[in-house]
Amino acid sequence: MKFRLTIQRCLVTGVLAIMCWNVPRASAQMAIDIEEPPIKYSDTKDDNVVSRLIDRLNSGDLKLDYDRSHGYLKSVLRELNISESSQVLVFSKTSMQVRYISKRNPRAIYFNDNTYVGWVRGSSIMEISTDDPKLGAAFYTVEMKPWKADVQRADYDCLSCHATSMTQGIPGHTVRSVMPNVDGSIDSQLLSYVTDHSSPLEQRWGGWYVTGRHGDAKHMGNAVLRGGKLHTDRSSNLLSLREEFESFDWLTPYSDIVALMVLEHQTQMYNTMVRANFTVRKHRHDQLDDQELTVLIQQAAEPVVDYMLFCDEAALDEPVKGSVVFATEFTSRGLQDDQQRSLRDFDLQTKLFRYPCSYLIHSSSFDALDESLRAEIYRQLADVLTGKNNASKYKHLDEPTRKAIIEILRSKKSDLADDWAKS
């Protein structure tokens, strides 16, 4: 069944309910029909880490390990190179598995730079989404039969939420902050949010568990509606979830605050890149003349650069501290320059990262962008980082920070020209 990107509604609790979302500004751009050329979402063969895992399963080269407590979860995480420390937990009924999810039975999400795995205790279905160079986000289900892991592409149901204004109109990923009732259902009459690094903490994590320290700063996590109000007075600075529910059935007793902040940045960074790439691909297909295409590529690159450089990032009013394990594992994957600096180095005092240029610039998703678009992103980055473009939206980047980002990128991005960002 083909999906046409015309609805701006989301499948929640079995009905199409119009939601009141605070969504990223880029969602107001021109609509892209993902079933028309050149995207042709439903007809295009997937080619990503999950499709290759399926090929290995079908050929007999891979057999996933099953256990009674978690099904194939641990085995899938191992094969996809996803750390258990990335676990975040959501108790709002905001997935296809609404009947299983509650405050005492939250859905666990595990992720790395390109893949997300959703697991719910008691369900025989596991959900996976991953980045695909042609499709944007691609979606899969794992039917966890003890004798066989049946992994299937499952786009249609997923696209009801994951190809809407919440994902900038393309197949993508999203983190939602909602007003949850005691049973995990959503009060759709109250304002909800799609969150990223620009969201103030007080708008984040409604319907999510949050563990870690954040001082006196307030957020919406760990709380439910009572009498029409979200009661957050006792929901701050939880160090473990052991007293919230029987957390021994989950891989860790945490829903790490730093992992959540990384997840929020990462999902909309990816969506912004794919949005730009789809726009360029569509207009190449429409055969714009060279001058028009050049202007369009410049326009498409700018929001990627702005998001990549954390323009409009919400400042942290209090230092944040989460799981040492997650922070250590995440940072250890950074590509370091000769001064041992990387774009994965955390700040967590006033901002998320010490060097505010997204680590996804090192990802396969970035490398898969249209070549001219990628070159234009590099050109605009160089203009900002060398001070040639000193627009006020880049004022958060002082000279030492710009210099450090240039040096990190020049040492680790092999496709940069030799004279890139040299003044």
Foldseek 3Di string as FASTA:
>chain_A
DDDWLDDQFAQFPNDTDRFFEDADPLLPDDADTCCDPPQNQVPDDFDDLVVVVVVCQVVVVDDAAQDPLFQRVVRVCVSVVWDLVLKWWFQAQRDPPNVQGALQWTWIWIDDLFKIKIGTTPDQKIKMWGQTLRQGIWIWIWRRDNVHTDIDTDPPNVCSNQQHSNLSRGRFDWFKAFAAANGNYGDRVDYIYTFAQLDQQQRDAHRIQEEWAQDPGFHQHPWHDDPNDTDGPPRHHHHFCVVRYPCPSRPGRHNYPLSVRLVRLSGNLSSLLVVLQSQLSVVVVVPDDPVVSVVSLLVSLVVNLLSQQPQSRQWRPAAIDTDPVVLVVQLVPFDAFPVRDGQSDADRGTGGHPQRGDPCCVPVNVVSGDPVSSVSNLVVLLCLLLVVDVDPSSVVQDNVSSVVVVRNCVRPPPPDDPCRSPD
